[in-house]
Amino acid sequence: MNADTAAPVDTTGGELPTIEFVCPMPGFANHRRFVLVRVDEDGVLYSLRSLEDPDLRFLVISPNPFFPGYEPEIDDETLAMLGAGETSNLLVLLIVTAPGSITDATANLMAPIVVDTATRRAVQTVLSGSDLPVRAPLVSV
């Protein structure tokens, strides 16, 4: 099934909804609860911030503005982990690495974060059997 890669919902004012990872991201076993915070005015860049450790955050993007043809195939095991009833409720996010300037920024297309927007449950899944890059440039140079 193909997941919808729409942009994250803008949450302005009030308390931010908590996103809970049903399985922690690799290397972050003690971090399951996050909030998604908009970083820029255009709503292109978001920060996924840990509630367990305020210093832990990941830059994430919706794939569409940078990778319009990106349509990851989400397997049944991932859907079951999320308890996802409908794929229309799925939001796909990509983790961005920005080591220096924006021209060096890359996105991980191989291991997207999949969020069920109805339940706010998430998982980072590895798209096995694909040749998608772990470091896809955001900007063509």
N, C-alpha and C. Protein backbone atom coordinates (compact mmCIF):
# COMPACT_ATOMS: atom_id res chain seq x y z
N MET A 1 0.83 -1.19 0.00
CA MET A 1 0.00 0.00 0.00
C MET A 1 0.87 1.24 0.00
N ASN A 2 0.47 2.22 -0.73
CA ASN A 2 1.21 3.47 -0.75
C ASN A 2 0.69 4.39 0.33
N ALA A 3 1.60 5.02 1.04
CA ALA A 3 1.22 5.95 2.10
C ALA A 3 1.11 7.35 1.54
N ASP A 4 0.23 8.12 2.10
CA ASP A 4 0.08 9.52 1.72
C ASP A 4 1.30 10.28 2.24
N THR A 5 1.85 11.13 1.43
CA THR A 5 3.03 11.89 1.85
C THR A 5 2.69 13.37 1.98
N ALA A 6 1.51 13.65 2.47
CA ALA A 6 1.09 15.04 2.67
C ALA A 6 1.91 15.71 3.75
N ALA A 7 1.85 17.02 3.79
CA ALA A 7 2.61 17.79 4.77
C ALA A 7 2.04 17.60 6.16
N PRO A 8 2.88 17.72 7.20
CA PRO A 8 2.40 17.61 8.57
C PRO A 8 1.38 18.70 8.87
N VAL A 9 0.47 18.38 9.76
CA VAL A 9 -0.54 19.35 10.17
C VAL A 9 0.12 20.43 11.00
N ASP A 10 -0.19 21.68 10.72
CA ASP A 10 0.36 22.80 11.47
C ASP A 10 -0.38 22.93 12.78
N THR A 11 0.34 22.84 13.87
CA THR A 11 -0.27 22.99 15.18
C THR A 11 0.18 24.32 15.76
N THR A 12 -0.71 25.29 15.76
CA THR A 12 -0.36 26.61 16.27
C THR A 12 -1.11 26.86 17.56
N GLY A 13 -0.39 27.33 18.55
CA GLY A 13 -1.00 27.63 19.84
C GLY A 13 -1.36 26.37 20.59
N GLY A 14 -1.47 26.50 21.90
CA GLY A 14 -1.87 25.37 22.72
C GLY A 14 -0.80 24.30 22.81
N GLU A 15 -1.20 23.18 23.38
CA GLU A 15 -0.27 22.08 23.59
C GLU A 15 -0.09 21.29 22.29
N LEU A 16 1.14 20.89 22.01
CA LEU A 16 1.43 20.11 20.82
C LEU A 16 1.06 18.66 21.06
N PRO A 17 0.47 17.99 20.08
CA PRO A 17 0.12 16.58 20.27
C PRO A 17 1.37 15.71 20.34
N THR A 18 1.31 14.71 21.20
CA THR A 18 2.43 13.79 21.37
C THR A 18 2.35 12.68 20.33
N ILE A 19 3.49 12.39 19.72
CA ILE A 19 3.62 11.27 18.80
C ILE A 19 4.40 10.20 19.54
N GLU A 20 3.84 8.99 19.60
CA GLU A 20 4.50 7.91 20.32
C GLU A 20 4.99 6.84 19.35
N PHE A 21 6.29 6.55 19.43
CA PHE A 21 6.87 5.50 18.59
C PHE A 21 6.56 4.15 19.20
N VAL A 22 5.94 3.27 18.43
CA VAL A 22 5.59 1.94 18.93
C VAL A 22 6.84 1.08 19.07
N CYS A 23 7.86 1.43 18.33
CA CYS A 23 9.17 0.79 18.41
C CYS A 23 10.18 1.94 18.32
N PRO A 24 11.09 2.05 19.29
CA PRO A 24 12.01 3.19 19.25
C PRO A 24 12.86 3.20 17.98
N MET A 25 13.28 4.39 17.59
CA MET A 25 14.16 4.51 16.43
C MET A 25 15.50 3.85 16.77
N PRO A 26 16.15 3.25 15.79
CA PRO A 26 17.44 2.60 16.04
C PRO A 26 18.43 3.57 16.71
N GLY A 27 19.02 3.11 17.82
CA GLY A 27 19.99 3.91 18.55
C GLY A 27 19.38 4.81 19.61
N PHE A 28 18.06 4.82 19.72
CA PHE A 28 17.39 5.70 20.67
C PHE A 28 16.33 4.93 21.47
N ALA A 29 16.76 3.85 22.10
CA ALA A 29 15.86 2.92 22.80
C ALA A 29 15.03 3.57 23.89
N ASN A 30 15.54 4.61 24.52
CA ASN A 30 14.84 5.24 25.64
C ASN A 30 13.98 6.43 25.22
N HIS A 31 13.78 6.60 23.93
CA HIS A 31 13.03 7.76 23.43
C HIS A 31 11.87 7.30 22.55
N ARG A 32 10.68 7.42 23.10
CA ARG A 32 9.48 6.98 22.37
C ARG A 32 8.48 8.11 22.14
N ARG A 33 8.53 9.14 22.95
CA ARG A 33 7.52 10.20 22.87
C ARG A 33 8.15 11.48 22.32
N PHE A 34 7.52 12.02 21.25
CA PHE A 34 8.04 13.19 20.56
C PHE A 34 6.89 14.15 20.25
N VAL A 35 7.25 15.40 19.97
CA VAL A 35 6.31 16.37 19.41
C VAL A 35 6.90 16.88 18.10
N LEU A 36 6.02 17.24 17.18
CA LEU A 36 6.42 17.75 15.88
C LEU A 36 6.20 19.25 15.88
N VAL A 37 7.31 20.00 15.73
CA VAL A 37 7.26 21.46 15.82
C VAL A 37 7.72 22.06 14.49
N ARG A 38 6.94 22.98 13.97
CA ARG A 38 7.30 23.66 12.71
C ARG A 38 8.50 24.57 12.96
N VAL A 39 9.50 24.50 12.08
CA VAL A 39 10.73 25.28 12.23
C VAL A 39 10.69 26.55 11.38
N ASP A 40 10.12 26.47 10.18
CA ASP A 40 10.12 27.63 9.28
C ASP A 40 8.68 28.09 9.01
N GLU A 41 8.57 29.31 8.52
CA GLU A 41 7.25 29.90 8.26
C GLU A 41 6.49 29.19 7.14
N ASP A 42 7.22 28.60 6.20
CA ASP A 42 6.58 27.93 5.07
C ASP A 42 6.06 26.54 5.40
N GLY A 43 6.42 26.01 6.57
CA GLY A 43 5.98 24.67 6.95
C GLY A 43 6.67 23.58 6.16
N VAL A 44 7.92 23.81 5.78
CA VAL A 44 8.68 22.82 5.03
C VAL A 44 9.56 21.99 5.96
N LEU A 45 10.13 22.63 6.95
CA LEU A 45 11.06 21.98 7.87
C LEU A 45 10.43 21.88 9.26
N TYR A 46 10.53 20.69 9.84
CA TYR A 46 9.98 20.43 11.17
C TYR A 46 11.06 19.85 12.07
N SER A 47 10.85 20.01 13.36
CA SER A 47 11.72 19.42 14.37
C SER A 47 10.90 18.38 15.13
N LEU A 48 11.40 17.16 15.15
CA LEU A 48 10.78 16.09 15.93
C LEU A 48 11.54 16.04 17.24
N ARG A 49 10.91 16.56 18.31
CA ARG A 49 11.60 16.74 19.59
C ARG A 49 11.18 15.69 20.60
N SER A 50 12.18 15.12 21.26
CA SER A 50 11.93 14.11 22.29
C SER A 50 11.36 14.75 23.54
N LEU A 51 10.35 14.12 24.12
CA LEU A 51 9.82 14.58 25.40
C LEU A 51 10.64 14.03 26.56
N GLU A 52 11.38 12.94 26.32
CA GLU A 52 12.23 12.36 27.36
C GLU A 52 13.54 13.13 27.51
N ASP A 53 14.00 13.75 26.44
CA ASP A 53 15.27 14.49 26.45
C ASP A 53 15.12 15.72 25.56
N PRO A 54 14.95 16.90 26.16
CA PRO A 54 14.71 18.11 25.36
C PRO A 54 15.86 18.47 24.42
N ASP A 55 17.04 17.90 24.64
CA ASP A 55 18.17 18.18 23.75
C ASP A 55 18.18 17.28 22.51
N LEU A 56 17.33 16.26 22.49
CA LEU A 56 17.28 15.34 21.35
C LEU A 56 16.19 15.78 20.38
N ARG A 57 16.60 16.08 19.18
CA ARG A 57 15.63 16.46 18.14
C ARG A 57 16.17 16.04 16.78
N PHE A 58 15.25 15.77 15.90
CA PHE A 58 15.57 15.39 14.53
C PHE A 58 14.90 16.38 13.59
N LEU A 59 15.64 16.83 12.59
CA LEU A 59 15.04 17.64 11.53
C LEU A 59 14.32 16.68 10.59
N VAL A 60 13.07 16.99 10.26
CA VAL A 60 12.30 16.14 9.36
C VAL A 60 11.56 17.00 8.35
N ILE A 61 11.26 16.38 7.22
CA ILE A 61 10.52 17.05 6.15
C ILE A 61 9.45 16.11 5.61
N SER A 62 8.45 16.70 5.00
CA SER A 62 7.54 15.94 4.17
C SER A 62 8.26 15.73 2.83
N PRO A 63 8.17 14.57 2.23
CA PRO A 63 8.93 14.31 1.00
C PRO A 63 8.50 15.14 -0.21
N ASN A 64 7.22 15.49 -0.32
CA ASN A 64 6.70 16.09 -1.56
C ASN A 64 7.47 17.28 -2.11
N PRO A 65 7.83 18.28 -1.31
CA PRO A 65 8.52 19.44 -1.90
C PRO A 65 9.89 19.10 -2.51
N PHE A 66 10.54 18.08 -1.99
CA PHE A 66 11.91 17.76 -2.43
C PHE A 66 11.97 16.52 -3.30
N PHE A 67 11.09 15.57 -3.07
CA PHE A 67 11.09 14.29 -3.78
C PHE A 67 9.66 13.96 -4.21
N PRO A 68 9.12 14.70 -5.21
CA PRO A 68 7.71 14.55 -5.57
C PRO A 68 7.31 13.15 -6.03
N GLY A 69 8.23 12.37 -6.53
CA GLY A 69 7.89 11.02 -6.98
C GLY A 69 8.05 9.96 -5.90
N TYR A 70 8.41 10.37 -4.70
CA TYR A 70 8.66 9.42 -3.61
C TYR A 70 7.34 8.89 -3.06
N GLU A 71 7.12 7.60 -3.24
CA GLU A 71 5.92 6.94 -2.74
C GLU A 71 6.34 5.60 -2.13
N PRO A 72 6.76 5.63 -0.87
CA PRO A 72 7.25 4.39 -0.25
C PRO A 72 6.14 3.35 -0.10
N GLU A 73 6.50 2.12 -0.32
CA GLU A 73 5.59 1.00 -0.15
C GLU A 73 5.69 0.56 1.32
N ILE A 74 4.62 0.81 2.07
CA ILE A 74 4.61 0.48 3.49
C ILE A 74 4.08 -0.94 3.64
N ASP A 75 4.90 -1.82 4.26
CA ASP A 75 4.52 -3.23 4.34
C ASP A 75 3.45 -3.47 5.42
N ASP A 76 2.84 -4.65 5.33
CA ASP A 76 1.75 -5.01 6.24
C ASP A 76 2.21 -5.07 7.69
N GLU A 77 3.46 -5.48 7.91
CA GLU A 77 3.99 -5.56 9.28
C GLU A 77 4.03 -4.17 9.92
N THR A 78 4.46 -3.18 9.16
CA THR A 78 4.50 -1.81 9.68
C THR A 78 3.10 -1.30 9.97
N LEU A 79 2.17 -1.57 9.06
CA LEU A 79 0.78 -1.16 9.28
C LEU A 79 0.21 -1.81 10.53
N ALA A 80 0.55 -3.09 10.75
CA ALA A 80 0.07 -3.80 11.94
C ALA A 80 0.67 -3.21 13.21
N MET A 81 1.96 -2.86 13.16
CA MET A 81 2.61 -2.25 14.33
C MET A 81 1.92 -0.95 14.72
N LEU A 82 1.51 -0.19 13.72
CA LEU A 82 0.84 1.08 13.97
C LEU A 82 -0.63 0.89 14.35
N GLY A 83 -1.17 -0.27 14.03
CA GLY A 83 -2.60 -0.48 14.21
C GLY A 83 -3.39 0.38 13.25
N ALA A 84 -2.79 0.64 12.09
CA ALA A 84 -3.39 1.55 11.10
C ALA A 84 -4.56 0.88 10.40
N GLY A 85 -5.71 1.51 10.50
CA GLY A 85 -6.89 1.01 9.83
C GLY A 85 -6.95 1.47 8.39
N GLU A 86 -6.48 2.68 8.14
CA GLU A 86 -6.54 3.25 6.79
C GLU A 86 -5.20 3.88 6.42
N THR A 87 -4.76 3.64 5.21
CA THR A 87 -3.51 4.25 4.77
C THR A 87 -3.68 5.74 4.52
N SER A 88 -4.92 6.20 4.39
CA SER A 88 -5.14 7.64 4.18
C SER A 88 -4.77 8.45 5.42
N ASN A 89 -4.66 7.79 6.58
CA ASN A 89 -4.27 8.48 7.82
C ASN A 89 -2.76 8.51 8.02
N LEU A 90 -2.01 7.94 7.09
CA LEU A 90 -0.56 7.86 7.28
C LEU A 90 0.14 9.10 6.76
N LEU A 91 1.10 9.55 7.55
CA LEU A 91 1.95 10.68 7.20
C LEU A 91 3.38 10.16 7.13
N VAL A 92 4.07 10.45 6.06
CA VAL A 92 5.46 10.02 5.89
C VAL A 92 6.37 11.22 6.08
N LEU A 93 7.40 11.04 6.91
CA LEU A 93 8.40 12.07 7.16
C LEU A 93 9.78 11.50 6.88
N LEU A 94 10.69 12.36 6.43
CA LEU A 94 12.07 11.95 6.17
C LEU A 94 13.00 12.67 7.13
N ILE A 95 13.95 11.94 7.69
CA ILE A 95 14.95 12.55 8.57
C ILE A 95 16.00 13.23 7.70
N VAL A 96 16.32 14.46 8.07
CA VAL A 96 17.29 15.28 7.34
C VAL A 96 18.58 15.38 8.14
N THR A 97 19.69 15.25 7.45
CA THR A 97 21.00 15.50 8.03
C THR A 97 21.54 16.76 7.37
N ALA A 98 21.89 17.75 8.20
CA ALA A 98 22.40 19.03 7.68
C ALA A 98 23.74 19.32 8.35
N PRO A 99 24.83 18.75 7.83
CA PRO A 99 26.12 18.89 8.49
C PRO A 99 26.75 20.28 8.41
N GLY A 100 26.37 21.05 7.45
CA GLY A 100 26.95 22.39 7.28
C GLY A 100 25.95 23.29 6.61
N SER A 101 26.22 23.62 5.38
CA SER A 101 25.31 24.50 4.64
C SER A 101 24.14 23.69 4.07
N ILE A 102 23.13 24.39 3.60
CA ILE A 102 21.95 23.74 3.03
C ILE A 102 22.31 22.90 1.81
N THR A 103 23.38 23.27 1.12
CA THR A 103 23.78 22.49 -0.06
C THR A 103 24.31 21.12 0.32
N ASP A 104 24.66 20.92 1.59
CA ASP A 104 25.15 19.63 2.06
C ASP A 104 24.05 18.78 2.69
N ALA A 105 22.85 19.31 2.84
CA ALA A 105 21.76 18.60 3.52
C ALA A 105 21.29 17.40 2.69
N THR A 106 21.00 16.31 3.40
CA THR A 106 20.50 15.10 2.75
C THR A 106 19.29 14.57 3.53
N ALA A 107 18.50 13.74 2.85
CA ALA A 107 17.35 13.10 3.48
C ALA A 107 17.48 11.59 3.34
N ASN A 108 17.02 10.88 4.36
CA ASN A 108 17.06 9.42 4.36
C ASN A 108 15.78 8.89 3.72
N LEU A 109 15.88 8.46 2.47
CA LEU A 109 14.73 7.91 1.76
C LEU A 109 14.53 6.43 2.06
N MET A 110 15.57 5.77 2.57
CA MET A 110 15.51 4.34 2.84
C MET A 110 14.73 4.01 4.12
N ALA A 111 14.73 4.94 5.09
CA ALA A 111 14.09 4.65 6.38
C ALA A 111 13.19 5.81 6.81
N PRO A 112 12.02 5.92 6.18
CA PRO A 112 11.11 7.01 6.54
C PRO A 112 10.44 6.75 7.89
N ILE A 113 9.95 7.82 8.48
CA ILE A 113 9.11 7.73 9.67
C ILE A 113 7.68 7.73 9.18
N VAL A 114 6.89 6.78 9.66
CA VAL A 114 5.49 6.68 9.27
C VAL A 114 4.65 6.96 10.51
N VAL A 115 3.75 7.94 10.41
CA VAL A 115 2.90 8.34 11.53
C VAL A 115 1.45 8.10 11.16
N ASP A 116 0.72 7.41 12.04
CA ASP A 116 -0.73 7.30 11.89
C ASP A 116 -1.32 8.54 12.54
N THR A 117 -1.83 9.46 11.74
CA THR A 117 -2.31 10.73 12.28
C THR A 117 -3.56 10.58 13.14
N ALA A 118 -4.29 9.48 12.98
CA ALA A 118 -5.48 9.26 13.79
C ALA A 118 -5.12 8.87 15.22
N THR A 119 -4.08 8.03 15.37
CA THR A 119 -3.70 7.54 16.70
C THR A 119 -2.44 8.21 17.24
N ARG A 120 -1.73 8.93 16.37
CA ARG A 120 -0.44 9.57 16.69
C ARG A 120 0.61 8.54 17.11
N ARG A 121 0.51 7.36 16.54
CA ARG A 121 1.53 6.32 16.74
C ARG A 121 2.45 6.36 15.52
N ALA A 122 3.75 6.08 15.76
CA ALA A 122 4.73 6.19 14.69
C ALA A 122 5.74 5.05 14.76
N VAL A 123 6.42 4.86 13.64
CA VAL A 123 7.51 3.90 13.56
C VAL A 123 8.44 4.36 12.44
N GLN A 124 9.74 4.14 12.64
CA GLN A 124 10.68 4.35 11.55
C GLN A 124 10.87 2.99 10.89
N THR A 125 10.56 2.91 9.62
CA THR A 125 10.63 1.64 8.92
C THR A 125 11.74 1.66 7.88
N VAL A 126 12.37 0.52 7.70
CA VAL A 126 13.39 0.38 6.66
C VAL A 126 12.73 -0.28 5.46
N LEU A 127 12.83 0.37 4.32
CA LEU A 127 12.21 -0.14 3.10
C LEU A 127 13.13 -1.19 2.48
N SER A 128 13.00 -2.42 2.96
CA SER A 128 13.87 -3.49 2.50
C SER A 128 13.59 -3.82 1.04
N GLY A 129 14.64 -4.22 0.36
CA GLY A 129 14.51 -4.57 -1.04
C GLY A 129 14.46 -3.39 -1.99
N SER A 130 14.67 -2.19 -1.46
CA SER A 130 14.67 -1.03 -2.35
C SER A 130 16.10 -0.52 -2.50
N ASP A 131 16.33 0.24 -3.55
CA ASP A 131 17.65 0.82 -3.75
C ASP A 131 17.65 2.31 -3.44
N LEU A 132 16.71 2.74 -2.60
CA LEU A 132 16.62 4.15 -2.23
C LEU A 132 17.82 4.57 -1.41
N PRO A 133 18.29 5.80 -1.59
CA PRO A 133 19.48 6.25 -0.86
C PRO A 133 19.18 6.63 0.59
N VAL A 134 20.19 6.47 1.42
CA VAL A 134 20.14 6.91 2.81
C VAL A 134 20.47 8.40 2.88
N ARG A 135 21.22 8.89 1.91
CA ARG A 135 21.62 10.31 1.87
C ARG A 135 21.31 10.91 0.50
N ALA A 136 20.05 11.23 0.30
CA ALA A 136 19.63 11.87 -0.96
C ALA A 136 19.75 13.38 -0.80
N PRO A 137 20.50 14.06 -1.68
CA PRO A 137 20.66 15.51 -1.56
C PRO A 137 19.32 16.24 -1.67
N LEU A 138 19.14 17.24 -0.82
CA LEU A 138 17.92 18.07 -0.87
C LEU A 138 18.02 19.11 -1.97
N VAL A 139 19.24 19.54 -2.25
CA VAL A 139 19.47 20.59 -3.23
C VAL A 139 20.38 20.05 -4.32
N SER A 140 19.99 20.23 -5.57
CA SER A 140 20.86 19.84 -6.69
C SER A 140 21.96 20.87 -6.83
N VAL A 141 23.20 20.39 -6.93
CA VAL A 141 24.33 21.31 -7.09
C VAL A 141 24.94 21.19 -8.46
